Protein backbone atom coordinates (compact mmCIF):
# COMPACT_ATOMS: atom_id res chain seq x y z
CA ASP A 1 -0.11 -0.05 0.04
CA ILE A 2 2.97 2.45 0.57
CA LEU A 3 5.94 2.70 -1.92
CA PHE A 4 9.10 4.47 -1.04
CA GLU A 5 10.88 6.26 -3.83
CA GLY A 6 14.20 7.73 -3.24
CA GLU A 7 17.99 7.30 -2.62
CA VAL A 8 18.96 7.08 0.85
CA GLY A 9 22.42 8.91 1.62
CA LEU A 10 24.85 8.05 4.14
CA THR A 11 23.53 11.09 6.68
CA GLY A 12 19.92 9.88 6.32
CA ARG A 13 19.08 12.46 3.79
CA ILE A 14 16.54 11.23 0.86
CA ARG A 15 17.32 12.38 -2.47
CA PRO A 16 15.07 12.38 -5.29
CA LEU A 17 14.91 9.67 -8.49
CA SER A 18 14.69 10.76 -11.99
CA ASP A 19 11.59 10.19 -14.07
CA ALA A 20 9.29 10.87 -10.73
CA VAL A 21 6.10 10.95 -12.80
CA GLU A 22 6.52 7.83 -14.66
CA ARG A 23 7.25 6.18 -11.42
CA TYR A 24 4.24 7.45 -9.67
CA GLN A 25 2.28 6.13 -12.74
CA PHE A 26 3.96 2.81 -12.02
CA ALA A 27 2.63 2.63 -8.47
CA LEU A 28 -0.67 3.66 -9.35
CA ARG A 29 -1.14 0.78 -11.85
CA ASN A 30 0.41 -1.54 -9.17
CA GLY A 31 -1.96 -0.96 -6.47
CA PHE A 32 -0.18 1.59 -4.27
CA SER A 33 -1.99 4.40 -2.70
CA LYS A 34 0.63 6.25 -0.93
CA LEU A 35 3.98 7.32 -2.01
CA ILE A 36 7.06 8.35 0.27
CA LEU A 37 8.86 10.60 -1.91
CA SER A 38 12.07 13.05 -1.54
CA ALA A 39 11.02 16.38 -0.58
CA ARG A 40 13.23 17.60 -3.49
CA THR A 41 11.16 15.99 -5.86
CA PRO A 42 9.07 18.19 -8.06
CA ALA A 43 5.38 18.24 -6.62
CA ILE A 44 3.25 15.48 -8.25
CA ARG A 45 -0.19 16.11 -9.23
CA GLU A 46 -2.10 13.39 -7.12
CA GLU A 47 -5.05 11.40 -8.66
CA SER A 48 -8.10 10.65 -6.41
CA GLY A 49 -7.46 8.24 -3.83
CA THR A 50 -3.55 8.58 -3.41
CA LYS A 51 -1.37 10.68 -1.48
CA CYS A 52 2.36 11.78 -1.61
CA ILE A 53 4.11 12.14 1.37
CA TYR A 54 7.49 14.35 1.08
CA ILE A 55 10.50 13.90 3.40
CA LYS A 56 13.72 15.16 3.72
CA ARG A 57 15.41 12.31 5.97
CA LEU A 58 15.31 8.65 6.76
CA LYS A 59 13.86 9.53 10.52
CA GLU A 60 10.90 11.47 8.84
CA MET A 61 10.04 7.92 7.02
CA SER A 62 10.24 6.03 10.47
CA ASP A 63 8.15 8.36 12.52
CA TYR A 64 5.54 8.34 9.71
CA ILE A 65 5.23 4.58 9.46
CA LYS A 66 5.38 4.31 13.44
CA GLY A 67 2.44 6.66 13.46
CA LEU A 68 0.36 4.11 11.18
CA LYS A 69 0.44 1.49 13.72
């Protein structure tokens, strides 16, 4: 249900990947409704029923996932 898209640096910073829109479309086709992306990823126009969560550091992703429990 949640897809993480980014590159984790040694300091915990999340770097964006190229082709964000194409990767977003891939996620939708494969049933993902939430995407966790680098805050440096250009904003994606979200379709109905989906949510993009933009983060800067790995800790933010950890905090988000812990909040889902």
